[in-house]
């Protein structure tokens, strides 16, 4: 039986969430109970009102170039675009890619980032 933090537990879960299988296996091999506890502690520390307070001064970010990559995991499309606009960030879309876009298609992700940096 697979235990919490085992490759057998996390590998398939990461693949289901969009990781390439080879990378999912590599990450899962280093994902133990301590990692699980740390991630849960992080998520629990970001509950409301902390998230709302962090987003109050998004307009202050407009002084610097920003890039917001569309991510279906956080909010609706309208919320993501509105937040990017408040921060003065350019919006990038990577169709067919999910929350883990940077590992799903590293070459396309690198082109997107390089293009952004070239125009800053």
Protein backbone atom coordinates (compact mmCIF):
# COMPACT_ATOMS: atom_id res chain seq x y z
CA UNK A 1 0.00 0.00 0.00
CA UNK A 2 1.32 3.45 -0.94
CA UNK A 3 2.03 5.84 1.90
CA UNK A 4 1.62 9.60 2.09
CA UNK A 5 4.44 11.14 0.13
CA UNK A 6 5.33 8.02 -1.85
CA UNK A 7 6.14 8.01 -5.55
CA UNK A 8 3.14 5.71 -6.03
CA UNK A 9 0.86 8.34 -4.46
CA UNK A 10 2.24 11.56 -5.89
CA UNK A 11 3.49 10.49 -9.33
CA UNK A 12 0.04 9.71 -10.79
CA UNK A 13 -1.48 12.74 -9.04
CA UNK A 14 1.06 15.07 -10.63
CA UNK A 15 0.50 13.49 -14.06
CA UNK A 16 -3.24 13.98 -13.63
CA UNK A 17 -2.59 17.65 -12.88
CA UNK A 18 -0.56 18.16 -16.04
CA UNK A 19 3.03 17.20 -15.29
CA UNK A 20 4.92 15.14 -17.87
CA UNK A 21 5.29 11.60 -16.47
CA UNK A 22 9.10 11.61 -16.24
CA UNK A 23 9.15 14.90 -14.34
CA UNK A 24 6.24 13.83 -12.12
CA UNK A 25 8.16 10.71 -11.09
CA UNK A 26 11.29 12.74 -10.35
CA UNK A 27 9.38 15.28 -8.25
CA UNK A 28 7.37 12.60 -6.47
CA UNK A 29 10.58 10.82 -5.47
CA UNK A 30 11.56 13.87 -3.42
CA UNK A 31 8.08 14.52 -2.04
CA UNK A 32 7.86 13.09 1.46
CA UNK A 33 5.67 13.69 4.50
CA UNK A 34 7.64 16.82 5.45
CA UNK A 35 6.90 18.33 2.04
CA UNK A 36 3.21 17.55 2.40
CA UNK A 37 3.08 19.22 5.82
CA UNK A 38 4.94 22.28 4.52
CA UNK A 39 2.56 22.69 1.57
CA UNK A 40 -0.49 22.35 3.81
CA UNK A 41 0.94 24.93 6.23
CA UNK A 42 1.53 27.32 3.32
CA UNK A 43 -2.02 26.92 1.99
CA UNK A 44 -3.52 27.32 5.45
CA UNK A 45 -1.52 30.51 6.02
CA UNK A 46 -3.06 32.09 2.91
CA UNK A 47 -6.71 31.91 3.96
CA UNK A 48 -8.87 35.03 4.02
CA UNK A 49 -8.45 37.81 4.88
CA UNK A 50 -4.73 37.44 4.10
CA UNK A 51 -5.31 36.98 0.35
CA UNK A 52 -7.64 39.98 0.18
CA UNK A 53 -5.18 42.16 2.06
CA UNK A 54 -2.33 41.15 -0.25
CA UNK A 55 -4.36 42.23 -3.28
CA UNK A 56 -5.44 45.66 -2.01
CA UNK A 57 -2.48 47.58 -3.42
CA UNK A 58 -2.19 46.00 -6.86
CA UNK A 59 -2.14 49.45 -8.47
CA UNK A 60 1.17 50.08 -6.70
CA UNK A 61 2.68 47.37 -8.87
CA UNK A 62 2.15 49.35 -12.09
CA UNK A 63 5.57 51.00 -11.66
CA UNK A 64 7.21 47.78 -12.83
CA UNK A 65 6.58 45.62 -15.88
CA UNK A 66 4.36 42.66 -15.05
CA UNK A 67 3.31 39.48 -16.77
CA UNK A 68 0.23 37.51 -15.76
CA UNK A 69 0.00 34.02 -17.21
CA UNK A 70 -3.57 32.77 -17.54
CA UNK A 71 -4.14 29.98 -15.04
CA UNK A 72 -7.44 28.12 -14.77
CA UNK A 73 -6.67 27.12 -11.18
CA UNK A 74 -7.12 30.60 -9.73
CA UNK A 75 -10.38 32.48 -10.21
CA UNK A 76 -12.43 33.10 -13.31
CA UNK A 77 -11.11 34.49 -16.58
CA UNK A 78 -12.67 37.86 -15.74
CA UNK A 79 -11.09 37.92 -12.26
CA UNK A 80 -7.66 37.06 -13.64
CA UNK A 81 -7.84 39.74 -16.34
CA UNK A 82 -9.18 42.37 -13.95
CA UNK A 83 -6.40 41.62 -11.47
CA UNK A 84 -3.76 41.82 -14.20
CA UNK A 85 -5.19 45.15 -15.38
CA UNK A 86 -5.13 46.57 -11.83
CA UNK A 87 -1.47 45.59 -11.54
CA UNK A 88 -0.68 46.98 -15.00
CA UNK A 89 0.45 43.54 -16.11
CA UNK A 90 0.47 42.18 -19.62
CA UNK A 91 -1.61 39.00 -19.96
CA UNK A 92 -0.12 35.94 -21.64
CA UNK A 93 -2.12 32.93 -22.71
CA UNK A 94 -0.75 29.49 -23.38
CA UNK A 95 -3.69 27.58 -24.89
CA UNK A 96 -3.89 23.88 -24.08
CA UNK A 97 -1.55 24.31 -21.12
CA UNK A 98 -2.63 24.27 -17.51
CA UNK A 99 -1.39 25.38 -14.10
CA UNK A 100 1.97 23.75 -14.73
CA UNK A 101 2.58 25.43 -18.12
CA UNK A 102 6.31 25.82 -17.45
CA UNK A 103 6.85 22.05 -17.31
CA UNK A 104 4.17 21.06 -19.82
CA UNK A 105 5.86 22.97 -22.64
CA UNK A 106 9.19 24.44 -21.51
CA UNK A 107 10.16 25.71 -24.97
CA UNK A 108 6.91 27.64 -25.49
CA UNK A 109 7.07 28.93 -21.92
CA UNK A 110 10.64 30.13 -22.44
CA UNK A 111 9.64 31.94 -25.66
CA UNK A 112 6.78 33.68 -23.83
CA UNK A 113 9.09 34.82 -21.01
CA UNK A 114 11.88 35.86 -23.38
CA UNK A 115 9.42 37.91 -25.43
CA UNK A 116 8.13 39.61 -22.29
CA UNK A 117 11.63 40.44 -21.05
CA UNK A 118 12.63 41.76 -24.49
CA UNK A 119 9.79 44.29 -24.35
CA UNK A 120 10.32 45.52 -20.78
